[in-house]
Protein backbone atom coordinates (compact mmCIF):
# COMPACT_ATOMS: atom_id res chain seq x y z
CA MET A 1 32.50 -12.03 7.97
CA LYS A 2 30.72 -9.16 9.37
CA ARG A 3 30.12 -7.82 5.93
CA ARG A 4 28.22 -10.92 4.90
CA HIS A 5 25.91 -10.60 7.90
CA GLN A 6 25.17 -7.00 7.08
CA THR A 7 24.24 -7.73 3.49
CA TRP A 8 20.79 -9.32 4.26
CA HIS A 9 20.15 -6.55 6.76
CA LEU A 10 20.86 -3.95 4.11
CA ARG A 11 18.67 -5.84 1.66
CA LEU A 12 15.82 -5.78 4.15
CA TRP A 13 16.07 -2.01 4.54
CA VAL A 14 16.17 -1.51 0.77
CA ILE A 15 13.09 -3.71 0.36
CA LEU A 16 11.26 -1.78 3.09
CA SER A 17 12.27 1.61 1.82
CA LEU A 18 10.96 0.68 -1.72
CA ALA A 19 7.83 -1.16 -0.45
CA LEU A 20 6.52 1.46 1.83
CA PRO A 21 6.46 4.29 -0.72
CA LEU A 22 4.93 1.93 -3.21
CA LEU A 23 2.10 0.98 -0.85
CA LEU A 24 1.57 4.72 -0.13
CA LEU A 25 1.44 5.50 -3.83
CA LEU A 26 -0.95 2.65 -4.57
CA THR A 27 -3.37 3.78 -1.81
CA VAL A 28 -3.19 7.38 -3.05
CA LEU A 29 -3.90 6.36 -6.52
CA GLY A 30 -6.72 4.09 -5.48
CA ARG A 31 -8.33 7.00 -3.64
CA GLN A 32 -7.99 9.36 -6.58
CA GLU A 33 -9.58 6.78 -8.95
CA ARG A 34 -12.96 7.19 -7.37
CA PRO A 35 -14.25 10.04 -5.24
CA VAL A 36 -14.44 9.55 -1.52
CA GLU A 37 -17.91 8.57 -0.51
CA PRO A 38 -19.61 8.92 2.85
CA VAL A 39 -19.29 5.82 5.18
CA ALA A 40 -23.02 5.30 5.20
CA ASP A 41 -23.12 5.20 1.42
CA TYR A 42 -20.26 2.76 1.43
CA LEU A 43 -22.03 0.37 3.79
CA THR A 44 -25.22 0.44 1.79
CA ARG A 45 -23.36 -0.55 -1.38
CA PRO A 46 -20.64 -3.05 -0.51
CA ALA A 47 -21.04 -4.96 -3.78
CA GLU A 48 -19.79 -2.09 -5.89
CA GLY A 49 -16.63 -1.61 -3.83
CA ALA A 50 -15.91 -5.38 -4.02
CA ALA A 51 -16.49 -5.45 -7.77
CA GLN A 52 -13.85 -2.78 -8.35
């Protein structure tokens, strides 16, 4: 019975271990797509960031 209880726990860890690197990869790719702009420039043109 203990095995059955551990399966969902293991599944949770697998999902987390897969999701975290994926999120990291997505953020890195998103940053590489467009060059990092200064914060002031970002605030003056919020529409451009929202469009993309």
